[in-house]
PDB file of N, CA and C in Angstrom:
ATOM      1  N   UNK A   1      66.743 176.169  26.925  1.00  0.00           N
ATOM      2  CA  UNK A   1      67.266 176.865  27.802  1.00  0.00           C
ATOM      3  C   UNK A   1      68.053 177.655  27.723  1.00  0.00           C
ATOM      4  N   UNK A   2      68.531 178.775  27.352  1.00  0.00           N
ATOM      5  CA  UNK A   2      70.237 179.264  26.858  1.00  0.00           C
ATOM      6  C   UNK A   2      71.013 179.688  27.710  1.00  0.00           C
ATOM      7  N   UNK A   3      71.528 179.815  28.029  1.00  0.00           N
ATOM      8  CA  UNK A   3      72.472 180.628  28.920  1.00  0.00           C
ATOM      9  C   UNK A   3      73.712 181.260  28.344  1.00  0.00           C
ATOM     10  N   UNK A   4      73.760 182.719  27.999  1.00  0.00           N
ATOM     11  CA  UNK A   4      74.778 183.031  27.140  1.00  0.00           C
ATOM     12  C   UNK A   4      75.769 183.865  28.324  1.00  0.00           C
ATOM     13  N   UNK A   5      75.631 183.227  29.482  1.00  0.00           N
ATOM     14  CA  UNK A   5      76.726 183.654  30.700  1.00  0.00           C
ATOM     15  C   UNK A   5      77.574 182.936  30.867  1.00  0.00           C
ATOM     16  N   UNK A   6      78.767 183.017  30.764  1.00  0.00           N
ATOM     17  CA  UNK A   6      79.866 182.394  31.093  1.00  0.00           C
ATOM     18  C   UNK A   6      80.068 182.692  32.866  1.00  0.00           C
ATOM     19  N   UNK A   7      79.252 181.451  33.772  1.00  0.00           N
ATOM     20  CA  UNK A   7      79.535 181.855  35.035  1.00  0.00           C
ATOM     21  C   UNK A   7      80.803 181.554  35.595  1.00  0.00           C
ATOM     22  N   UNK A   8      81.783 181.187  35.084  1.00  0.00           N
ATOM     23  CA  UNK A   8      83.530 181.309  35.483  1.00  0.00           C
ATOM     24  C   UNK A   8      83.844 182.534  35.392  1.00  0.00           C
ATOM     25  N   UNK A   9      83.746 183.337  34.283  1.00  0.00           N
ATOM     26  CA  UNK A   9      84.309 184.189  34.389  1.00  0.00           C
ATOM     27  C   UNK A   9      84.429 185.298  35.289  1.00  0.00           C
ATOM     28  N   UNK A  10      83.251 185.137  36.463  1.00  0.00           N
ATOM     29  CA  UNK A  10      82.670 185.812  37.271  1.00  0.00           C
ATOM     30  C   UNK A  10      83.456 185.157  38.662  1.00  0.00           C
ATOM     31  N   UNK A  11      84.707 185.835  39.018  1.00  0.00           N
ATOM     32  CA  UNK A  11      85.416 185.559  40.286  1.00  0.00           C
ATOM     33  C   UNK A  11      85.141 185.797  41.510  1.00  0.00           C
ATOM     34  N   UNK A  12      83.889 186.648  41.671  1.00  0.00           N
ATOM     35  CA  UNK A  12      83.603 186.505  42.695  1.00  0.00           C
ATOM     36  C   UNK A  12      82.333 185.830  42.834  1.00  0.00           C
ATOM     37  N   UNK A  13      81.906 185.471  42.490  1.00  0.00           N
ATOM     38  CA  UNK A  13      80.590 184.467  42.508  1.00  0.00           C
ATOM     39  C   UNK A  13      80.581 183.251  43.464  1.00  0.00           C
ATOM     40  N   UNK A  14      82.137 182.444  43.458  1.00  0.00           N
ATOM     41  CA  UNK A  14      82.150 181.503  44.404  1.00  0.00           C
ATOM     42  C   UNK A  14      83.148 181.913  45.493  1.00  0.00           C
ATOM     43  N   UNK A  15      83.375 183.088  45.618  1.00  0.00           N
ATOM     44  CA  UNK A  15      84.838 183.499  46.590  1.00  0.00           C
ATOM     45  C   UNK A  15      83.672 183.706  47.428  1.00  0.00           C
ATOM     46  N   UNK A  16      84.191 183.653  48.639  1.00  0.00           N
ATOM     47  CA  UNK A  16      83.937 184.490  49.701  1.00  0.00           C
ATOM     48  C   UNK A  16      83.777 185.568  50.178  1.00  0.00           C
ATOM     49  N   UNK A  17      82.547 186.056  50.735  1.00  0.00           N
ATOM     50  CA  UNK A  17      81.998 187.361  50.719  1.00  0.00           C
ATOM     51  C   UNK A  17      83.490 188.503  51.194  1.00  0.00           C
ATOM     52  N   UNK A  18      83.794 188.126  51.753  1.00  0.00           N
ATOM     53  CA  UNK A  18      85.188 188.697  52.486  1.00  0.00           C
ATOM     54  C   UNK A  18      86.385 189.308  51.843  1.00  0.00           C
ATOM     55  N   UNK A  19      86.341 188.202  50.755  1.00  0.00           N
ATOM     56  CA  UNK A  19      87.417 188.593  49.932  1.00  0.00           C
ATOM     57  C   UNK A  19      86.842 189.419  48.638  1.00  0.00           C
ATOM     58  N   UNK A  20      85.534 189.672  48.552  1.00  0.00           N
ATOM     59  CA  UNK A  20      85.107 190.449  47.515  1.00  0.00           C
ATOM     60  C   UNK A  20      85.585 191.707  47.100  1.00  0.00           C
ATOM     61  N   UNK A  21      85.658 192.543  46.479  1.00  0.00           N
ATOM     62  CA  UNK A  21      86.308 194.208  46.227  1.00  0.00           C
ATOM     63  C   UNK A  21      85.176 195.101  47.018  1.00  0.00           C
ATOM     64  N   UNK A  22      83.982 195.036  46.922  1.00  0.00           N
ATOM     65  CA  UNK A  22      83.307 196.092  47.922  1.00  0.00           C
ATOM     66  C   UNK A  22      82.649 195.408  49.129  1.00  0.00           C
ATOM     67  N   UNK A  23      83.511 194.925  49.478  1.00  0.00           N
ATOM     68  CA  UNK A  23      83.262 194.075  50.720  1.00  0.00           C
ATOM     69  C   UNK A  23      82.575 195.117  52.126  1.00  0.00           C
ATOM     70  N   UNK A  24      83.293 195.572  52.398  1.00  0.00           N
ATOM     71  CA  UNK A  24      83.176 196.672  53.725  1.00  0.00           C
ATOM     72  C   UNK A  24      83.941 197.752  53.431  1.00  0.00           C
ATOM     73  N   UNK A  25      84.429 198.188  53.116  1.00  0.00           N
ATOM     74  CA  UNK A  25      85.794 198.561  52.629  1.00  0.00           C
ATOM     75  C   UNK A  25      86.280 199.179  54.634  1.00  0.00           C
ATOM     76  N   UNK A  26      86.429 198.252  55.153  1.00  0.00           N
ATOM     77  CA  UNK A  26      87.416 198.416  56.327  1.00  0.00           C
ATOM     78  C   UNK A  26      86.042 199.580  57.449  1.00  0.00           C
ATOM     79  N   UNK A  27      84.876 198.909  57.194  1.00  0.00           N
ATOM     80  CA  UNK A  27      83.954 199.766  57.641  1.00  0.00           C
ATOM     81  C   UNK A  27      83.480 198.568  58.886  1.00  0.00           C
ATOM     82  N   UNK A  28      83.346 199.099  60.220  1.00  0.00           N
ATOM     83  CA  UNK A  28      83.030 198.261  61.314  1.00  0.00           C
ATOM     84  C   UNK A  28      81.262 197.625  61.029  1.00  0.00           C
ATOM     85  N   UNK A  29      81.502 195.771  61.592  1.00  0.00           N
ATOM     86  CA  UNK A  29      80.283 195.457  61.079  1.00  0.00           C
ATOM     87  C   UNK A  29      79.503 195.003  62.260  1.00  0.00           C
ATOM     88  N   UNK A  30      78.423 194.727  62.203  1.00  0.00           N
ATOM     89  CA  UNK A  30      77.910 194.833  63.408  1.00  0.00           C
ATOM     90  C   UNK A  30      77.988 192.908  63.663  1.00  0.00           C
ATOM     91  N   UNK A  31      76.912 193.080  65.103  1.00  0.00           N
ATOM     92  CA  UNK A  31      77.162 191.396  65.689  1.00  0.00           C
ATOM     93  C   UNK A  31      76.608 190.457  64.543  1.00  0.00           C
ATOM     94  N   UNK A  32      75.675 190.633  63.835  1.00  0.00           N
ATOM     95  CA  UNK A  32      74.694 190.049  62.876  1.00  0.00           C
ATOM     96  C   UNK A  32      75.438 189.081  61.743  1.00  0.00           C
ATOM     97  N   UNK A  33      76.457 190.927  60.993  1.00  0.00           N
ATOM     98  CA  UNK A  33      76.975 190.276  60.044  1.00  0.00           C
ATOM     99  C   UNK A  33      78.429 189.379  60.502  1.00  0.00           C
ATOM    100  N   UNK A  34      79.144 189.621  61.653  1.00  0.00           N
ATOM    101  CA  UNK A  34      80.118 188.850  62.569  1.00  0.00           C
ATOM    102  C   UNK A  34      79.543 187.395  62.765  1.00  0.00           C
ATOM    103  N   UNK A  35      78.420 187.410  63.233  1.00  0.00           N
ATOM    104  CA  UNK A  35      77.513 185.782  63.464  1.00  0.00           C
ATOM    105  C   UNK A  35      77.484 185.587  62.143  1.00  0.00           C
ATOM    106  N   UNK A  36      77.120 185.640  61.358  1.00  0.00           N
ATOM    107  CA  UNK A  36      76.901 185.298  60.128  1.00  0.00           C
ATOM    108  C   UNK A  36      77.961 185.174  59.056  1.00  0.00           C
ATOM    109  N   UNK A  37      78.610 185.320  59.169  1.00  0.00           N
ATOM    110  CA  UNK A  37      80.042 185.191  58.250  1.00  0.00           C
ATOM    111  C   UNK A  37      80.644 184.253  59.254  1.00  0.00           C
ATOM    112  N   UNK A  38      80.762 183.816  60.938  1.00  0.00           N
ATOM    113  CA  UNK A  38      81.534 182.566  60.990  1.00  0.00           C
ATOM    114  C   UNK A  38      80.457 181.702  61.058  1.00  0.00           C
ATOM    115  N   UNK A  39      79.094 181.521  61.120  1.00  0.00           N
ATOM    116  CA  UNK A  39      78.379 180.523  60.568  1.00  0.00           C
ATOM    117  C   UNK A  39      78.503 179.923  59.181  1.00  0.00           C
ATOM    118  N   UNK A  40      78.125 180.755  58.262  1.00  0.00           N
ATOM    119  CA  UNK A  40      78.308 180.431  57.003  1.00  0.00           C
ATOM    120  C   UNK A  40      79.839 179.949  56.171  1.00  0.00           C
ATOM    121  N   UNK A  41      80.801 180.172  57.465  1.00  0.00           N
ATOM    122  CA  UNK A  41      82.013 180.291  56.399  1.00  0.00           C
ATOM    123  C   UNK A  41      82.588 181.307  55.780  1.00  0.00           C
ATOM    124  N   UNK A  42      82.283 182.573  56.200  1.00  0.00           N
ATOM    125  CA  UNK A  42      82.808 183.691  55.023  1.00  0.00           C
ATOM    126  C   UNK A  42      81.974 183.833  53.908  1.00  0.00           C
ATOM    127  N   UNK A  43      81.079 182.884  53.140  1.00  0.00           N
ATOM    128  CA  UNK A  43      80.173 182.929  52.395  1.00  0.00           C
ATOM    129  C   UNK A  43      79.538 183.921  52.192  1.00  0.00           C
ATOM    130  N   UNK A  44      78.918 184.428  53.180  1.00  0.00           N
ATOM    131  CA  UNK A  44      77.293 185.516  53.386  1.00  0.00           C
ATOM    132  C   UNK A  44      77.099 186.281  54.545  1.00  0.00           C
ATOM    133  N   UNK A  45      77.313 187.629  54.481  1.00  0.00           N
ATOM    134  CA  UNK A  45      77.202 188.321  55.601  1.00  0.00           C
ATOM    135  C   UNK A  45      76.020 189.376  56.026  1.00  0.00           C
ATOM    136  N   UNK A  46      74.899 188.598  55.500  1.00  0.00           N
ATOM    137  CA  UNK A  46      73.670 188.678  55.711  1.00  0.00           C
ATOM    138  C   UNK A  46      72.811 188.066  55.766  1.00  0.00           C
ATOM    139  N   UNK A  47      73.313 186.523  55.975  1.00  0.00           N
ATOM    140  CA  UNK A  47      72.188 185.883  56.443  1.00  0.00           C
ATOM    141  C   UNK A  47      71.302 185.972  57.980  1.00  0.00           C
ATOM    142  N   UNK A  48      71.727 186.696  58.969  1.00  0.00           N
ATOM    143  CA  UNK A  48      71.044 186.817  60.035  1.00  0.00           C
ATOM    144  C   UNK A  48      70.964 188.141  60.068  1.00  0.00           C
ATOM    145  N   UNK A  49      70.320 189.253  59.021  1.00  0.00           N
ATOM    146  CA  UNK A  49      70.255 190.527  58.813  1.00  0.00           C
ATOM    147  C   UNK A  49      68.609 190.781  59.728  1.00  0.00           C
ATOM    148  N   UNK A  50      67.927 189.435  59.593  1.00  0.00           N
ATOM    149  CA  UNK A  50      66.231 189.686  59.701  1.00  0.00           C
ATOM    150  C   UNK A  50      66.042 190.120  61.319  1.00  0.00           C
ATOM    151  N   UNK A  51      66.613 189.708  62.279  1.00  0.00           N
ATOM    152  CA  UNK A  51      66.642 190.201  63.768  1.00  0.00           C
ATOM    153  C   UNK A  51      67.776 190.651  64.175  1.00  0.00           C
ATOM    154  N   UNK A  52      68.091 191.827  64.918  1.00  0.00           N
ATOM    155  CA  UNK A  52      69.217 192.019  65.173  1.00  0.00           C
ATOM    156  C   UNK A  52      69.146 191.597  66.970  1.00  0.00           C
ATOM    157  N   UNK A  53      68.270 191.094  67.255  1.00  0.00           N
ATOM    158  CA  UNK A  53      68.251 189.990  68.450  1.00  0.00           C
ATOM    159  C   UNK A  53      69.060 188.950  68.673  1.00  0.00           C
ATOM    160  N   UNK A  54      69.158 188.449  67.663  1.00  0.00           N
ATOM    161  CA  UNK A  54      70.283 187.111  66.962  1.00  0.00           C
ATOM    162  C   UNK A  54      71.263 187.230  67.327  1.00  0.00           C
ATOM    163  N   UNK A  55      71.819 188.628  66.849  1.00  0.00           N
ATOM    164  CA  UNK A  55      73.432 188.723  67.095  1.00  0.00           C
ATOM    165  C   UNK A  55      73.662 189.146  69.083  1.00  0.00           C
ATOM    166  N   UNK A  56      72.784 189.878  69.196  1.00  0.00           N
ATOM    167  CA  UNK A  56      72.848 189.508  70.835  1.00  0.00           C
ATOM    168  C   UNK A  56      72.788 188.512  71.696  1.00  0.00           C
ATOM    169  N   UNK A  57      71.859 187.719  70.843  1.00  0.00           N
ATOM    170  CA  UNK A  57      71.826 186.519  71.578  1.00  0.00           C
ATOM    171  C   UNK A  57      73.268 185.688  71.661  1.00  0.00           C
ATOM    172  N   UNK A  58      73.701 185.492  70.370  1.00  0.00           N
ATOM    173  CA  UNK A  58      74.772 184.740  70.280  1.00  0.00           C
ATOM    174  C   UNK A  58      75.872 185.226  71.004  1.00  0.00           C
ATOM    175  N   UNK A  59      76.280 186.262  71.103  1.00  0.00           N
ATOM    176  CA  UNK A  59      77.381 186.993  72.086  1.00  0.00           C
ATOM    177  C   UNK A  59      77.006 186.902  73.099  1.00  0.00           C
ATOM    178  N   UNK A  60      75.739 186.733  73.785  1.00  0.00           N
ATOM    179  CA  UNK A  60      75.476 186.695  75.290  1.00  0.00           C
ATOM    180  C   UNK A  60      75.550 185.490  75.523  1.00  0.00           C
ATOM    181  N   UNK A  61      75.360 184.614  74.648  1.00  0.00           N
ATOM    182  CA  UNK A  61      75.238 183.054  74.781  1.00  0.00           C
ATOM    183  C   UNK A  61      76.939 182.527  74.923  1.00  0.00           C
ATOM    184  N   UNK A  62      77.818 183.244  73.928  1.00  0.00           N
ATOM    185  CA  UNK A  62      79.484 182.724  74.165  1.00  0.00           C
ATOM    186  C   UNK A  62      79.898 183.468  75.477  1.00  0.00           C
ATOM    187  N   UNK A  63      79.182 184.748  75.956  1.00  0.00           N
ATOM    188  CA  UNK A  63      79.907 185.191  77.200  1.00  0.00           C
ATOM    189  C   UNK A  63      79.719 184.308  77.989  1.00  0.00           C
ATOM    190  N   UNK A  64      78.048 184.199  78.158  1.00  0.00           N
ATOM    191  CA  UNK A  64      78.015 182.705  79.542  1.00  0.00           C
ATOM    192  C   UNK A  64      78.185 181.716  79.566  1.00  0.00           C
ATOM    193  N   UNK A  65      79.192 181.343  78.296  1.00  0.00           N
ATOM    194  CA  UNK A  65      79.689 179.980  78.316  1.00  0.00           C
ATOM    195  C   UNK A  65      81.061 180.307  79.094  1.00  0.00           C
ATOM    196  N   UNK A  66      81.589 181.173  78.663  1.00  0.00           N
ATOM    197  CA  UNK A  66      82.792 181.568  78.792  1.00  0.00           C
ATOM    198  C   UNK A  66      83.144 181.911  80.479  1.00  0.00           C
ATOM    199  N   UNK A  67      81.735 182.668  81.353  1.00  0.00           N
ATOM    200  CA  UNK A  67      81.895 183.027  82.105  1.00  0.00           C
ATOM    201  C   UNK A  67      81.967 181.904  83.353  1.00  0.00           C
ATOM    202  N   UNK A  68      80.880 180.776  82.698  1.00  0.00           N
ATOM    203  CA  UNK A  68      80.333 179.694  83.220  1.00  0.00           C
ATOM    204  C   UNK A  68      81.515 178.607  83.382  1.00  0.00           C
ATOM    205  N   UNK A  69      82.290 178.065  82.412  1.00  0.00           N
ATOM    206  CA  UNK A  69      83.646 177.612  82.132  1.00  0.00           C
ATOM    207  C   UNK A  69      84.507 178.413  83.312  1.00  0.00           C
ATOM    208  N   UNK A  70      84.753 179.179  83.950  1.00  0.00           N
ATOM    209  CA  UNK A  70      85.831 180.064  84.528  1.00  0.00           C
ATOM    210  C   UNK A  70      85.103 179.556  85.806  1.00  0.00           C
ATOM    211  N   UNK A  71      84.303 179.925  86.163  1.00  0.00           N
ATOM    212  CA  UNK A  71      83.621 179.949  87.184  1.00  0.00           C
ATOM    213  C   UNK A  71      83.801 178.472  87.759  1.00  0.00           C
ATOM    214  N   UNK A  72      83.266 177.879  86.855  1.00  0.00           N
ATOM    215  CA  UNK A  72      83.167 176.121  86.865  1.00  0.00           C
ATOM    216  C   UNK A  72      84.633 175.749  87.390  1.00  0.00           C
ATOM    217  N   UNK A  73      85.830 175.779  86.579  1.00  0.00           N
ATOM    218  CA  UNK A  73      86.917 175.614  86.673  1.00  0.00           C
ATOM    219  C   UNK A  73      87.489 176.048  87.986  1.00  0.00           C
ATOM    220  N   UNK A  74      87.161 177.220  88.634  1.00  0.00           N
ATOM    221  CA  UNK A  74      87.750 178.208  89.698  1.00  0.00           C
ATOM    222  C   UNK A  74      87.297 177.013  91.185  1.00  0.00           C
ATOM    223  N   UNK A  75      85.798 176.536  91.070  1.00  0.00           N
ATOM    224  CA  UNK A  75      84.989 175.832  92.209  1.00  0.00           C
ATOM    225  C   UNK A  75      85.432 174.671  92.435  1.00  0.00           C
ATOM    226  N   UNK A  76      85.445 174.050  91.233  1.00  0.00           N
ATOM    227  CA  UNK A  76      86.299 172.467  91.630  1.00  0.00           C
ATOM    228  C   UNK A  76      87.533 172.197  91.744  1.00  0.00           C
ATOM    229  N   UNK A  77      88.446 173.172  91.292  1.00  0.00           N
ATOM    230  CA  UNK A  77      89.924 172.916  91.400  1.00  0.00           C
ATOM    231  C   UNK A  77      89.736 173.225  92.594  1.00  0.00           C
ATOM    232  N   UNK A  78      89.635 174.605  93.361  1.00  0.00           N
ATOM    233  CA  UNK A  78      89.269 174.812  94.790  1.00  0.00           C
ATOM    234  C   UNK A  78      88.868 173.994  95.366  1.00  0.00           C
ATOM    235  N   UNK A  79      87.698 173.019  94.783  1.00  0.00           N
ATOM    236  CA  UNK A  79      87.608 172.436  96.291  1.00  0.00           C
ATOM    237  C   UNK A  79      87.373 170.566  95.925  1.00  0.00           C
ATOM    238  N   UNK A  80      87.943 170.357  95.225  1.00  0.00           N
ATOM    239  CA  UNK A  80      88.469 168.939  94.566  1.00  0.00           C
ATOM    240  C   UNK A  80      89.147 168.097  95.455  1.00  0.00           C
ATOM    241  N   UNK A  81      89.893 168.418  96.174  1.00  0.00           N
ATOM    242  CA  UNK A  81      90.687 167.494  97.601  1.00  0.00           C
ATOM    243  C   UNK A  81      89.598 167.363  98.347  1.00  0.00           C
ATOM    244  N   UNK A  82      88.525 167.874  98.496  1.00  0.00           N
ATOM    245  CA  UNK A  82      87.530 167.844  99.975  1.00  0.00           C
ATOM    246  C   UNK A  82      86.665 167.367  99.422  1.00  0.00           C
ATOM    247  N   UNK A  83      86.327 167.166  98.038  1.00  0.00           N
ATOM    248  CA  UNK A  83      84.972 166.218  97.694  1.00  0.00           C
ATOM    249  C   UNK A  83      85.772 164.492  97.693  1.00  0.00           C
TER     250      UNK A  83
END
């Protein structure tokens, strides 16, 4: 096997996708791209591109966890002396 390509000359090969020149040129990204960047540590933005429902699921899950945490804290701080 002969590899004539020097992979170390390509600076974008191992860099996170958000630091590449042609990432998105300040365009808005969708929920799938945002969650994919979070889960892969900025390495890939098209990891979850197959189903748009997955991005909405993670977004709604995060909102549900936040709301339930606030409600939990409110109810148990309010009724804690009576328990």
